[in-house]
């Protein structure tokens, strides 16, 4: 094992959404954007805005496979974000309604 590896190994449980920490290469940025990372089939990390906390950022990863997946994640360079546009109230309202409908449908299916 290399003591200062540029990769971390993480096990993502089957059929789950898991929050993991990723090492950040550029500690000078307090906040930044992590683009979508292509890891492997059936494992989907989100692309997201993150806060750099002691050279670590936290993201969610979804594993749709029936088996646990062991993945290796490289040190990530945060992308600088200069401007974030304010939310469009109509879009937020539509998204909330859609999410509420999906939640209702899932709850109805599970009963």
Protein backbone atom coordinates (compact mmCIF):
# COMPACT_ATOMS: atom_id res chain seq x y z
CA UNK A 1 0.00 0.00 0.00
CA UNK A 2 1.27 3.45 -0.91
CA UNK A 3 1.12 5.73 2.15
CA UNK A 4 0.26 8.87 0.17
CA UNK A 5 -2.02 7.44 -2.47
CA UNK A 6 -3.93 9.81 -4.72
CA UNK A 7 -6.95 7.49 -4.56
CA UNK A 8 -9.40 6.50 -1.85
CA UNK A 9 -11.27 3.19 -1.87
CA UNK A 10 -14.91 3.25 -0.78
CA UNK A 11 -17.54 0.52 -0.56
CA UNK A 12 -21.00 1.62 -1.66
CA UNK A 13 -23.74 -0.69 -0.31
CA UNK A 14 -26.09 -2.31 -2.81
CA UNK A 15 -29.24 -0.44 -3.85
CA UNK A 16 -28.44 2.61 -1.74
CA UNK A 17 -27.66 6.29 -1.69
CA UNK A 18 -24.50 6.95 0.31
CA UNK A 19 -22.68 10.13 1.30
CA UNK A 20 -18.92 9.88 0.92
CA UNK A 21 -16.03 12.27 1.40
CA UNK A 22 -13.63 13.04 -1.42
CA UNK A 23 -10.20 14.58 -0.99
CA UNK A 24 -9.87 18.05 -2.52
CA UNK A 25 -6.73 18.92 -4.45
CA UNK A 26 -7.02 22.71 -4.29
CA UNK A 27 -7.56 23.77 -0.66
CA UNK A 28 -7.52 27.46 -1.58
CA UNK A 29 -11.16 27.26 -2.72
CA UNK A 30 -13.62 27.32 0.17
CA UNK A 31 -16.48 26.29 -2.13
CA UNK A 32 -16.62 24.86 -5.62
CA UNK A 33 -18.27 22.63 -8.18
CA UNK A 34 -17.58 18.91 -8.61
CA UNK A 35 -18.61 17.73 -12.08
CA UNK A 36 -20.15 14.29 -12.56
CA UNK A 37 -17.51 11.57 -12.22
CA UNK A 38 -17.72 8.45 -14.40
CA UNK A 39 -16.88 5.60 -11.98
CA UNK A 40 -18.44 2.35 -13.18
CA UNK A 41 -21.73 0.80 -14.29
CA UNK A 42 -24.63 1.12 -11.84
CA UNK A 43 -22.82 3.68 -9.62
CA UNK A 44 -23.84 7.30 -10.07
CA UNK A 45 -22.17 10.13 -8.16
CA UNK A 46 -23.88 13.49 -8.27
CA UNK A 47 -22.43 16.63 -9.76
CA UNK A 48 -22.81 19.26 -7.10
CA UNK A 49 -21.68 22.43 -5.39
CA UNK A 50 -19.67 21.62 -2.26
CA UNK A 51 -17.92 23.23 0.67
CA UNK A 52 -14.25 22.40 1.17
CA UNK A 53 -13.88 21.23 4.78
CA UNK A 54 -10.26 20.55 5.69
CA UNK A 55 -9.46 19.36 2.15
CA UNK A 56 -12.61 17.16 2.01
CA UNK A 57 -15.88 17.54 0.14
CA UNK A 58 -19.00 15.42 0.64
CA UNK A 59 -21.15 14.06 -2.20
CA UNK A 60 -23.91 11.50 -2.59
CA UNK A 61 -23.43 8.37 -4.68
CA UNK A 62 -26.22 6.04 -5.79
CA UNK A 63 -25.57 2.32 -6.31
CA UNK A 64 -28.37 0.68 -8.32
CA UNK A 65 -26.64 -2.70 -8.45
CA UNK A 66 -27.76 -5.71 -6.40
CA UNK A 67 -24.22 -6.07 -5.02
CA UNK A 68 -21.98 -3.82 -2.93
CA UNK A 69 -19.53 -1.95 -5.15
CA UNK A 70 -15.96 -1.13 -4.21
CA UNK A 71 -14.81 1.96 -6.05
CA UNK A 72 -11.65 4.03 -6.20
CA UNK A 73 -11.95 7.80 -6.22
CA UNK A 74 -9.11 10.11 -7.17
CA UNK A 75 -8.34 13.38 -5.48
CA UNK A 76 -10.72 15.93 -7.02
CA UNK A 77 -9.98 19.46 -8.16
CA UNK A 78 -12.85 21.79 -7.33
CA UNK A 79 -14.02 24.02 -10.15
CA UNK A 80 -14.37 27.68 -9.21
CA UNK A 81 -17.90 29.08 -9.26
CA UNK A 82 -18.13 32.80 -9.86
CA UNK A 83 -21.89 33.24 -9.96
CA UNK A 84 -24.98 31.29 -8.97
CA UNK A 85 -28.23 32.56 -10.41
CA UNK A 86 -31.18 32.97 -8.07
CA UNK A 87 -33.88 30.31 -8.20
CA UNK A 88 -36.73 30.76 -10.59
CA UNK A 89 -39.79 30.67 -8.26
CA UNK A 90 -41.99 29.01 -10.93
CA UNK A 91 -39.41 26.28 -11.52
CA UNK A 92 -38.99 25.66 -7.77
CA UNK A 93 -42.78 25.42 -7.35
CA UNK A 94 -43.06 22.90 -10.25
CA UNK A 95 -40.21 20.83 -8.84
CA UNK A 96 -41.81 20.73 -5.38
CA UNK A 97 -45.15 19.67 -6.86
CA UNK A 98 -43.49 16.98 -8.96
CA UNK A 99 -41.55 15.65 -5.96
CA UNK A 100 -44.70 15.64 -3.81
CA UNK A 101 -46.58 13.70 -6.52
CA UNK A 102 -43.75 11.16 -6.86
CA UNK A 103 -43.61 10.72 -3.07
CA UNK A 104 -47.39 10.19 -2.96
CA UNK A 105 -47.19 7.64 -5.80
CA UNK A 106 -44.39 5.71 -4.06
CA UNK A 107 -46.21 5.72 -0.72
CA UNK A 108 -49.41 4.51 -2.43
CA UNK A 109 -47.51 1.70 -4.19
CA UNK A 110 -45.95 0.55 -0.90
CA UNK A 111 -49.28 0.28 0.96
